[in-house]
Amino acid sequence: MSSVQRNVDHALAYPEPPASPLWHRHGAKARPLTDAQKRRNRELLDLAQRTTRPAHHRDPDPPQVPRPKNPRARDRR
């Protein structure tokens, strides 16, 4: 019998590395939010979704500043 395995995923040349320790929580879990905190979060989220943020102002005619010449650029003639 042949020693070739037929059910091998050849896309994985190496085994997957172990997960980062940062992915695991150690210690106490976070406290659940109080009803007042949940209500305040909902109100702030609602307010943020209803208000419009000021658009980024872009100067329609910016001053033209000459670009410095690149000393390594080829001379195109």
N, C-alpha and C. Protein backbone atom coordinates (compact mmCIF):
# COMPACT_ATOMS: atom_id res chain seq x y z
N MET A 1 0.83 -1.18 0.00
CA MET A 1 0.00 0.00 0.00
C MET A 1 0.87 1.24 0.00
N SER A 2 0.43 2.28 -0.65
CA SER A 2 1.21 3.51 -0.78
C SER A 2 1.08 4.36 0.48
N SER A 3 2.11 5.13 0.78
CA SER A 3 2.07 6.00 1.96
C SER A 3 1.51 7.38 1.64
N VAL A 4 1.03 7.60 0.43
CA VAL A 4 0.48 8.90 0.04
C VAL A 4 -0.89 9.07 0.68
N GLN A 5 -1.08 10.19 1.33
CA GLN A 5 -2.39 10.49 1.92
C GLN A 5 -3.26 11.17 0.88
N ARG A 6 -4.47 10.71 0.75
CA ARG A 6 -5.37 11.25 -0.26
C ARG A 6 -6.18 12.45 0.26
N ASN A 7 -6.43 12.54 1.56
CA ASN A 7 -7.29 13.58 2.13
C ASN A 7 -6.47 14.73 2.73
N VAL A 8 -5.46 15.17 2.04
CA VAL A 8 -4.59 16.23 2.55
C VAL A 8 -4.93 17.53 1.84
N ASP A 9 -5.05 18.60 2.61
CA ASP A 9 -5.28 19.92 2.01
C ASP A 9 -3.92 20.48 1.64
N HIS A 10 -3.61 20.52 0.37
CA HIS A 10 -2.29 20.95 -0.07
C HIS A 10 -2.12 22.47 -0.01
N ALA A 11 -3.19 23.23 0.21
CA ALA A 11 -3.07 24.68 0.32
C ALA A 11 -2.37 25.06 1.62
N LEU A 12 -2.42 24.20 2.62
CA LEU A 12 -1.78 24.50 3.90
C LEU A 12 -0.43 23.79 3.94
N ALA A 13 0.62 24.52 3.62
CA ALA A 13 1.94 23.92 3.63
C ALA A 13 2.45 23.74 5.04
N TYR A 14 2.03 24.62 5.95
CA TYR A 14 2.46 24.56 7.34
C TYR A 14 1.23 24.60 8.23
N PRO A 15 1.31 24.08 9.43
CA PRO A 15 0.15 24.16 10.32
C PRO A 15 -0.11 25.61 10.73
N GLU A 16 -1.34 25.90 11.07
CA GLU A 16 -1.70 27.26 11.47
C GLU A 16 -1.02 27.61 12.79
N PRO A 17 -0.45 28.82 12.89
CA PRO A 17 0.22 29.18 14.14
C PRO A 17 -0.80 29.34 15.26
N PRO A 18 -0.36 29.22 16.50
CA PRO A 18 -1.30 29.38 17.60
C PRO A 18 -1.83 30.82 17.66
N ALA A 19 -3.01 30.97 18.21
CA ALA A 19 -3.63 32.29 18.31
C ALA A 19 -2.81 33.18 19.24
N SER A 20 -2.86 34.46 18.96
CA SER A 20 -2.15 35.42 19.79
C SER A 20 -2.73 35.43 21.19
N PRO A 21 -1.89 35.60 22.21
CA PRO A 21 -2.43 35.68 23.57
C PRO A 21 -3.33 36.91 23.76
N LEU A 22 -3.20 37.88 22.88
CA LEU A 22 -4.05 39.07 22.99
C LEU A 22 -5.51 38.76 22.63
N TRP A 23 -5.74 37.64 21.95
CA TRP A 23 -7.09 37.28 21.57
C TRP A 23 -7.86 36.69 22.74
N HIS A 24 -7.18 36.33 23.80
CA HIS A 24 -7.82 35.69 24.93
C HIS A 24 -7.94 36.67 26.08
N ARG A 25 -9.07 36.66 26.73
CA ARG A 25 -9.27 37.52 27.90
C ARG A 25 -8.85 36.77 29.14
N HIS A 26 -8.10 37.46 29.97
CA HIS A 26 -7.72 36.89 31.25
C HIS A 26 -8.27 37.81 32.33
N GLY A 27 -8.70 37.24 33.39
CA GLY A 27 -9.17 38.06 34.49
C GLY A 27 -10.67 38.27 34.45
N ALA A 28 -11.11 39.30 35.16
CA ALA A 28 -12.53 39.57 35.32
C ALA A 28 -13.14 40.08 34.03
N LYS A 29 -14.38 39.73 33.82
CA LYS A 29 -15.11 40.22 32.65
C LYS A 29 -15.65 41.61 32.94
N ALA A 30 -15.99 42.33 31.88
CA ALA A 30 -16.50 43.69 32.02
C ALA A 30 -17.87 43.67 32.72
N ARG A 31 -18.13 44.71 33.50
CA ARG A 31 -19.44 44.82 34.16
C ARG A 31 -20.51 45.09 33.13
N PRO A 32 -21.69 44.53 33.27
CA PRO A 32 -22.78 44.87 32.35
C PRO A 32 -23.21 46.32 32.58
N LEU A 33 -23.69 46.95 31.51
CA LEU A 33 -24.13 48.33 31.61
C LEU A 33 -25.42 48.42 32.40
N THR A 34 -25.56 49.51 33.13
CA THR A 34 -26.81 49.75 33.86
C THR A 34 -27.86 50.22 32.86
N ASP A 35 -29.12 50.21 33.29
CA ASP A 35 -30.19 50.68 32.42
C ASP A 35 -30.00 52.15 32.05
N ALA A 36 -29.51 52.96 32.98
CA ALA A 36 -29.28 54.37 32.70
C ALA A 36 -28.18 54.54 31.65
N GLN A 37 -27.13 53.72 31.75
CA GLN A 37 -26.04 53.81 30.76
C GLN A 37 -26.53 53.37 29.38
N LYS A 38 -27.34 52.31 29.34
CA LYS A 38 -27.89 51.86 28.06
C LYS A 38 -28.76 52.94 27.43
N ARG A 39 -29.61 53.56 28.25
CA ARG A 39 -30.50 54.62 27.77
C ARG A 39 -29.68 55.79 27.22
N ARG A 40 -28.65 56.20 27.96
CA ARG A 40 -27.80 57.32 27.51
C ARG A 40 -27.09 56.96 26.20
N ASN A 41 -26.60 55.74 26.08
CA ASN A 41 -25.94 55.32 24.84
C ASN A 41 -26.91 55.36 23.67
N ARG A 42 -28.15 54.89 23.90
CA ARG A 42 -29.15 54.93 22.83
C ARG A 42 -29.46 56.36 22.41
N GLU A 43 -29.59 57.26 23.41
CA GLU A 43 -29.90 58.66 23.10
C GLU A 43 -28.75 59.31 22.32
N LEU A 44 -27.52 59.04 22.74
CA LEU A 44 -26.37 59.63 22.04
C LEU A 44 -26.24 59.08 20.63
N LEU A 45 -26.50 57.78 20.46
CA LEU A 45 -26.44 57.18 19.13
C LEU A 45 -27.51 57.78 18.24
N ASP A 46 -28.71 57.93 18.76
CA ASP A 46 -29.80 58.52 17.99
C ASP A 46 -29.46 59.95 17.58
N LEU A 47 -28.92 60.72 18.52
CA LEU A 47 -28.55 62.10 18.23
C LEU A 47 -27.46 62.15 17.17
N ALA A 48 -26.46 61.28 17.27
CA ALA A 48 -25.36 61.28 16.31
C ALA A 48 -25.84 60.88 14.92
N GLN A 49 -26.83 59.99 14.84
CA GLN A 49 -27.33 59.56 13.53
C GLN A 49 -28.23 60.61 12.90
N ARG A 50 -28.86 61.46 13.72
CA ARG A 50 -29.75 62.47 13.16
C ARG A 50 -29.03 63.75 12.77
N THR A 51 -27.94 64.07 13.42
CA THR A 51 -27.25 65.32 13.12
C THR A 51 -26.27 65.10 11.98
N THR A 52 -26.10 66.13 11.19
CA THR A 52 -25.16 66.04 10.08
C THR A 52 -23.83 66.64 10.52
N ARG A 53 -22.79 66.02 10.08
CA ARG A 53 -21.46 66.55 10.38
C ARG A 53 -21.10 67.58 9.32
N PRO A 54 -20.35 68.60 9.69
CA PRO A 54 -19.97 69.59 8.68
C PRO A 54 -19.08 68.93 7.62
N ALA A 55 -19.35 69.27 6.37
CA ALA A 55 -18.57 68.70 5.28
C ALA A 55 -17.16 69.25 5.32
N HIS A 56 -16.23 68.43 4.88
CA HIS A 56 -14.85 68.87 4.82
C HIS A 56 -14.74 69.97 3.79
N HIS A 57 -14.25 71.13 4.20
CA HIS A 57 -14.13 72.25 3.28
C HIS A 57 -12.90 72.08 2.41
N ARG A 58 -13.11 72.15 1.12
CA ARG A 58 -12.00 72.04 0.20
C ARG A 58 -11.96 73.28 -0.66
N ASP A 59 -10.80 73.91 -0.71
CA ASP A 59 -10.65 75.13 -1.49
C ASP A 59 -10.84 74.80 -2.97
N PRO A 60 -11.83 75.42 -3.64
CA PRO A 60 -12.06 75.07 -5.05
C PRO A 60 -10.91 75.51 -5.96
N ASP A 61 -10.13 76.50 -5.54
CA ASP A 61 -9.03 76.98 -6.37
C ASP A 61 -7.77 77.07 -5.51
N PRO A 62 -7.13 75.93 -5.21
CA PRO A 62 -5.95 75.98 -4.34
C PRO A 62 -4.80 76.67 -5.06
N PRO A 63 -3.92 77.32 -4.31
CA PRO A 63 -2.78 77.98 -4.96
C PRO A 63 -1.86 76.94 -5.61
N GLN A 64 -1.40 77.27 -6.79
CA GLN A 64 -0.54 76.34 -7.52
C GLN A 64 0.91 76.55 -7.07
N VAL A 65 1.46 75.54 -6.46
CA VAL A 65 2.84 75.60 -5.99
C VAL A 65 3.67 74.77 -6.95
N PRO A 66 4.73 75.35 -7.50
CA PRO A 66 5.54 74.54 -8.43
C PRO A 66 6.18 73.37 -7.70
N ARG A 67 6.11 72.22 -8.35
CA ARG A 67 6.69 71.02 -7.75
C ARG A 67 8.19 71.03 -7.98
N PRO A 68 8.96 70.62 -6.99
CA PRO A 68 10.41 70.56 -7.20
C PRO A 68 10.75 69.47 -8.20
N LYS A 69 11.78 69.72 -8.97
CA LYS A 69 12.18 68.73 -9.97
C LYS A 69 12.90 67.57 -9.31
N ASN A 70 12.62 66.40 -9.80
CA ASN A 70 13.26 65.20 -9.29
C ASN A 70 14.61 65.04 -9.97
N PRO A 71 15.71 65.11 -9.23
CA PRO A 71 17.02 65.00 -9.88
C PRO A 71 17.27 63.62 -10.48
N ARG A 72 16.54 62.61 -10.05
CA ARG A 72 16.75 61.26 -10.58
C ARG A 72 15.87 60.95 -11.77
N ALA A 73 14.94 61.85 -12.08
CA ALA A 73 14.05 61.60 -13.21
C ALA A 73 14.81 61.71 -14.52
N ARG A 74 14.38 60.89 -15.48
CA ARG A 74 15.03 60.96 -16.79
C ARG A 74 14.61 62.22 -17.50
N ASP A 75 15.48 62.75 -18.31
CA ASP A 75 15.18 63.95 -19.09
C ASP A 75 14.33 63.50 -20.28
N ARG A 76 13.10 63.93 -20.34
CA ARG A 76 12.19 63.51 -21.41
C ARG A 76 12.14 64.60 -22.47
N ARG A 77 12.80 64.36 -23.54
CA ARG A 77 12.83 65.35 -24.65
C ARG A 77 12.24 64.76 -25.88
